[in-house]
Amino acid sequence: MTKKELSEKLASNFDVQKSEADKMLGFIFDEVTNALTSGDEVSIAGFGKFSVADRAAREGVNPSTGAKIQIAATKVAKFKVAKQLKDAVAQS
């Protein structure tokens, strides 16, 4: 499902115009992004938890040359699926 499809479902289920549904969806995504960039977690009961994790610097290999390279430390967004969602997917 794409963002456009999700927006269309939101519009039809809540009887709002598609432009309003786009704004609502954009607001939700912006708030999740803002929370994560601030170092906060976002927990949605029954769905899952978004968080930020630190990845340590490490040594890697350039696949085209075989040369060893240093990969810098970085932060990554993570998502942990809630048990309720995991069970629903397993039973589908």
Foldseek 3Di string as FASTA:
>chain_A
DDPLVVLVVVCVVVVHDSVVSNVVVVVVVVVCVVQAVVQHKDQDPLFWIKGKDKDQKDWDADVVPRDIDIRHIDIDIDIDGDPNVVVVVVVD
